[in-house]
């Protein structure tokens, strides 16, 4: 596909990435029945960490945001977001992603 100017490139990518980080977080919250506030806490409960990792994976796939921006929504740094890729193969996380109906 050939682009005539930067505006055409912007339109192409803005259509490709149509979800906001807040929307993705809400969808994960509904799929897991865990409140958004609970996902933003420092809790290390397995359910919360799996839901956060599902959010990180969806946000990386569905947005063009940086790792730092993705983590800033639920106060985590970029390394935590990157760590979620290591657990993408886990069945529970795959189920959460499927239940959000975003992919």
C-alpha atoms as a PDB file:
ATOM      1  CA  UNK A   1       0.000   0.000   0.000  1.00  0.00           C
ATOM      2  CA  UNK A   2       1.408   3.369  -1.014  1.00  0.00           C
ATOM      3  CA  UNK A   3       0.802   6.428   1.139  1.00  0.00           C
ATOM      4  CA  UNK A   4       0.605   9.906  -0.382  1.00  0.00           C
ATOM      5  CA  UNK A   5       1.348  11.785   2.826  1.00  0.00           C
ATOM      6  CA  UNK A   6       1.701  11.464   6.574  1.00  0.00           C
ATOM      7  CA  UNK A   7      -2.020  11.992   7.090  1.00  0.00           C
ATOM      8  CA  UNK A   8      -2.793   8.812   5.118  1.00  0.00           C
ATOM      9  CA  UNK A   9      -0.361   6.894   7.318  1.00  0.00           C
ATOM     10  CA  UNK A  10      -2.004   8.343  10.434  1.00  0.00           C
ATOM     11  CA  UNK A  11      -5.478   7.329   9.250  1.00  0.00           C
ATOM     12  CA  UNK A  12      -4.339   3.789   8.474  1.00  0.00           C
ATOM     13  CA  UNK A  13      -2.794   3.246  11.892  1.00  0.00           C
ATOM     14  CA  UNK A  14      -5.560   5.014  13.823  1.00  0.00           C
ATOM     15  CA  UNK A  15      -8.095   2.603  12.302  1.00  0.00           C
ATOM     16  CA  UNK A  16      -5.884  -0.372  13.092  1.00  0.00           C
ATOM     17  CA  UNK A  17      -5.584   0.560  16.783  1.00  0.00           C
ATOM     18  CA  UNK A  18      -9.113   1.454  17.816  1.00  0.00           C
ATOM     19  CA  UNK A  19      -9.172   0.493  21.509  1.00  0.00           C
ATOM     20  CA  UNK A  20      -8.196   2.697  24.431  1.00  0.00           C
ATOM     21  CA  UNK A  21      -6.264   1.341  27.398  1.00  0.00           C
ATOM     22  CA  UNK A  22      -9.147   2.161  29.727  1.00  0.00           C
ATOM     23  CA  UNK A  23     -11.582   0.226  27.526  1.00  0.00           C
ATOM     24  CA  UNK A  24      -9.313  -2.830  27.474  1.00  0.00           C
ATOM     25  CA  UNK A  25      -8.943  -2.659  31.256  1.00  0.00           C
ATOM     26  CA  UNK A  26     -12.734  -2.492  31.676  1.00  0.00           C
ATOM     27  CA  UNK A  27     -13.229  -5.505  29.388  1.00  0.00           C
ATOM     28  CA  UNK A  28     -10.678  -7.530  31.377  1.00  0.00           C
ATOM     29  CA  UNK A  29     -12.364  -6.421  34.592  1.00  0.00           C
ATOM     30  CA  UNK A  30     -15.763  -7.628  33.349  1.00  0.00           C
ATOM     31  CA  UNK A  31     -14.356 -10.909  32.006  1.00  0.00           C
ATOM     32  CA  UNK A  32     -12.674 -11.731  35.317  1.00  0.00           C
ATOM     33  CA  UNK A  33     -15.285 -10.157  37.636  1.00  0.00           C
ATOM     34  CA  UNK A  34     -12.468  -8.246  39.351  1.00  0.00           C
ATOM     35  CA  UNK A  35     -12.958  -4.515  39.827  1.00  0.00           C
ATOM     36  CA  UNK A  36     -10.701  -2.051  38.042  1.00  0.00           C
ATOM     37  CA  UNK A  37      -9.672  -0.711  41.448  1.00  0.00           C
ATOM     38  CA  UNK A  38      -8.564  -4.197  42.526  1.00  0.00           C
ATOM     39  CA  UNK A  39      -6.478  -4.541  39.358  1.00  0.00           C
ATOM     40  CA  UNK A  40      -4.730  -1.278  40.202  1.00  0.00           C
ATOM     41  CA  UNK A  41      -3.708  -2.414  43.701  1.00  0.00           C
ATOM     42  CA  UNK A  42      -0.402  -4.022  44.635  1.00  0.00           C
ATOM     43  CA  UNK A  43      -2.134  -7.306  45.457  1.00  0.00           C
ATOM     44  CA  UNK A  44      -0.227 -10.448  44.471  1.00  0.00           C
ATOM     45  CA  UNK A  45      -3.302 -12.682  44.449  1.00  0.00           C
ATOM     46  CA  UNK A  46      -3.131 -15.058  41.504  1.00  0.00           C
ATOM     47  CA  UNK A  47      -6.474 -13.932  40.050  1.00  0.00           C
ATOM     48  CA  UNK A  48      -5.371 -10.300  40.053  1.00  0.00           C
ATOM     49  CA  UNK A  49      -1.960 -10.956  38.535  1.00  0.00           C
ATOM     50  CA  UNK A  50      -3.424 -13.145  35.781  1.00  0.00           C
ATOM     51  CA  UNK A  51      -5.984 -10.464  34.941  1.00  0.00           C
ATOM     52  CA  UNK A  52      -3.243  -7.799  34.845  1.00  0.00           C
ATOM     53  CA  UNK A  53      -1.128  -9.949  32.550  1.00  0.00           C
ATOM     54  CA  UNK A  54      -4.099 -10.465  30.228  1.00  0.00           C
ATOM     55  CA  UNK A  55      -4.590  -6.680  30.172  1.00  0.00           C
ATOM     56  CA  UNK A  56      -0.911  -6.146  29.336  1.00  0.00           C
ATOM     57  CA  UNK A  57      -1.008  -8.664  26.487  1.00  0.00           C
ATOM     58  CA  UNK A  58      -4.200  -7.220  25.011  1.00  0.00           C
ATOM     59  CA  UNK A  59      -2.907  -3.666  25.320  1.00  0.00           C
ATOM     60  CA  UNK A  60       0.347  -4.556  23.558  1.00  0.00           C
ATOM     61  CA  UNK A  61      -1.566  -6.260  20.746  1.00  0.00           C
ATOM     62  CA  UNK A  62      -4.439  -3.807  20.302  1.00  0.00           C
ATOM     63  CA  UNK A  63      -2.795  -0.423  20.814  1.00  0.00           C
ATOM     64  CA  UNK A  64       0.279   1.399  19.639  1.00  0.00           C
ATOM     65  CA  UNK A  65       1.087   2.626  23.153  1.00  0.00           C
ATOM     66  CA  UNK A  66       4.534   2.204  24.665  1.00  0.00           C
ATOM     67  CA  UNK A  67       5.177  -0.292  27.449  1.00  0.00           C
ATOM     68  CA  UNK A  68       5.506   2.602  29.904  1.00  0.00           C
ATOM     69  CA  UNK A  69       2.120   4.031  28.880  1.00  0.00           C
ATOM     70  CA  UNK A  70       0.452   0.615  29.164  1.00  0.00           C
ATOM     71  CA  UNK A  71       1.846   0.102  32.656  1.00  0.00           C
ATOM     72  CA  UNK A  72       0.997   3.609  33.835  1.00  0.00           C
ATOM     73  CA  UNK A  73      -2.753   2.876  33.790  1.00  0.00           C
ATOM     74  CA  UNK A  74      -2.338   0.317  36.587  1.00  0.00           C
ATOM     75  CA  UNK A  75       0.807   1.612  38.252  1.00  0.00           C
ATOM     76  CA  UNK A  76       3.432  -0.792  36.946  1.00  0.00           C
ATOM     77  CA  UNK A  77       6.677  -0.175  35.089  1.00  0.00           C
ATOM     78  CA  UNK A  78       7.583  -1.250  31.575  1.00  0.00           C
ATOM     79  CA  UNK A  79       9.457  -4.339  32.796  1.00  0.00           C
ATOM     80  CA  UNK A  80       6.309  -5.730  34.394  1.00  0.00           C
ATOM     81  CA  UNK A  81       4.423  -5.238  31.135  1.00  0.00           C
ATOM     82  CA  UNK A  82       7.179  -6.986  29.202  1.00  0.00           C
ATOM     83  CA  UNK A  83       7.184  -9.855  31.721  1.00  0.00           C
ATOM     84  CA  UNK A  84       3.574 -10.652  30.770  1.00  0.00           C
ATOM     85  CA  UNK A  85       4.777 -12.023  27.429  1.00  0.00           C
ATOM     86  CA  UNK A  86       6.499 -14.869  29.269  1.00  0.00           C
ATOM     87  CA  UNK A  87       3.165 -16.067  30.653  1.00  0.00           C
ATOM     88  CA  UNK A  88       1.097 -15.670  27.488  1.00  0.00           C
ATOM     89  CA  UNK A  89       0.991 -19.442  27.036  1.00  0.00           C
ATOM     90  CA  UNK A  90      -0.798 -20.125  30.345  1.00  0.00           C
ATOM     91  CA  UNK A  91      -4.335 -21.506  29.875  1.00  0.00           C
ATOM     92  CA  UNK A  92      -5.925 -19.183  32.455  1.00  0.00           C
ATOM     93  CA  UNK A  93      -4.555 -16.079  30.736  1.00  0.00           C
ATOM     94  CA  UNK A  94      -5.646 -17.379  27.320  1.00  0.00           C
ATOM     95  CA  UNK A  95      -9.150 -17.916  28.727  1.00  0.00           C
ATOM     96  CA  UNK A  96      -9.320 -14.366  30.103  1.00  0.00           C
ATOM     97  CA  UNK A  97      -8.239 -12.969  26.731  1.00  0.00           C
ATOM     98  CA  UNK A  98     -10.854 -15.091  24.959  1.00  0.00           C
ATOM     99  CA  UNK A  99     -13.581 -14.003  27.398  1.00  0.00           C
ATOM    100  CA  UNK A 100     -12.976 -10.307  26.648  1.00  0.00           C
ATOM    101  CA  UNK A 101     -14.045 -10.844  23.000  1.00  0.00           C
ATOM    102  CA  UNK A 102     -11.490  -8.280  21.815  1.00  0.00           C
ATOM    103  CA  UNK A 103      -9.474 -10.579  19.558  1.00  0.00           C
END
